[in-house]
Amino acid sequence: WAIQMYNTNIMMLTAFILVSVLALGLAYEWLQKGLEWTE
């Protein structure tokens, strides 16, 4: 069960990192568009 728990943690961590990267990408795009829009 220790290995299964470890794999679950790795999967959750990977999913969290992927979501974070996507969120940062969207935020960056949104900020760039926002800056362009204000000019």
C-alpha atoms as a PDB file:
ATOM      1  CA  TRP A   1       0.000   0.000   0.000  1.00  0.00           C
ATOM      2  CA  ALA A   2       3.003   2.297   0.551  1.00  0.00           C
ATOM      3  CA  ILE A   3       3.870   2.154  -3.164  1.00  0.00           C
ATOM      4  CA  GLN A   4       0.241   2.858  -4.121  1.00  0.00           C
ATOM      5  CA  MET A   5       0.172   5.855  -1.777  1.00  0.00           C
ATOM      6  CA  TYR A   6       3.451   7.096  -3.285  1.00  0.00           C
ATOM      7  CA  ASN A   7       2.070   6.764  -6.822  1.00  0.00           C
ATOM      8  CA  THR A   8      -1.096   8.636  -5.824  1.00  0.00           C
ATOM      9  CA  ASN A   9       0.989  11.472  -4.384  1.00  0.00           C
ATOM     10  CA  ILE A  10       3.102  11.636  -7.561  1.00  0.00           C
ATOM     11  CA  MET A  11      -0.058  11.729  -9.712  1.00  0.00           C
ATOM     12  CA  MET A  12      -1.611  14.469  -7.567  1.00  0.00           C
ATOM     13  CA  LEU A  13       1.629  16.468  -7.629  1.00  0.00           C
ATOM     14  CA  THR A  14       1.927  16.079 -11.417  1.00  0.00           C
ATOM     15  CA  ALA A  15      -1.700  17.130 -11.910  1.00  0.00           C
ATOM     16  CA  PHE A  16      -1.177  20.128  -9.599  1.00  0.00           C
ATOM     17  CA  ILE A  17       1.937  21.189 -11.524  1.00  0.00           C
ATOM     18  CA  LEU A  18       0.131  20.849 -14.869  1.00  0.00           C
ATOM     19  CA  VAL A  19      -2.813  22.928 -13.614  1.00  0.00           C
ATOM     20  CA  SER A  20      -0.435  25.527 -12.179  1.00  0.00           C
ATOM     21  CA  VAL A  21       1.468  25.801 -15.478  1.00  0.00           C
ATOM     22  CA  LEU A  22      -1.792  26.155 -17.422  1.00  0.00           C
ATOM     23  CA  ALA A  23      -3.106  28.763 -14.972  1.00  0.00           C
ATOM     24  CA  LEU A  24       0.158  30.727 -15.152  1.00  0.00           C
ATOM     25  CA  GLY A  25       0.060  30.577 -18.954  1.00  0.00           C
ATOM     26  CA  LEU A  26      -3.521  31.856 -19.022  1.00  0.00           C
ATOM     27  CA  ALA A  27      -2.731  34.590 -16.495  1.00  0.00           C
ATOM     28  CA  TYR A  28       0.301  35.652 -18.546  1.00  0.00           C
ATOM     29  CA  GLU A  29      -1.740  35.785 -21.772  1.00  0.00           C
ATOM     30  CA  TRP A  30      -4.518  37.692 -19.967  1.00  0.00           C
ATOM     31  CA  LEU A  31      -2.024  40.198 -18.543  1.00  0.00           C
ATOM     32  CA  GLN A  32      -0.389  40.695 -21.945  1.00  0.00           C
ATOM     33  CA  LYS A  33      -3.805  41.285 -23.557  1.00  0.00           C
ATOM     34  CA  GLY A  34      -4.785  43.583 -20.693  1.00  0.00           C
ATOM     35  CA  LEU A  35      -1.613  45.637 -21.101  1.00  0.00           C
ATOM     36  CA  GLU A  36      -2.115  45.864 -24.870  1.00  0.00           C
ATOM     37  CA  TRP A  37      -5.766  46.810 -24.375  1.00  0.00           C
ATOM     38  CA  THR A  38      -4.956  49.696 -21.992  1.00  0.00           C
ATOM     39  CA  GLU A  39      -2.534  51.345 -24.444  1.00  0.00           C
END
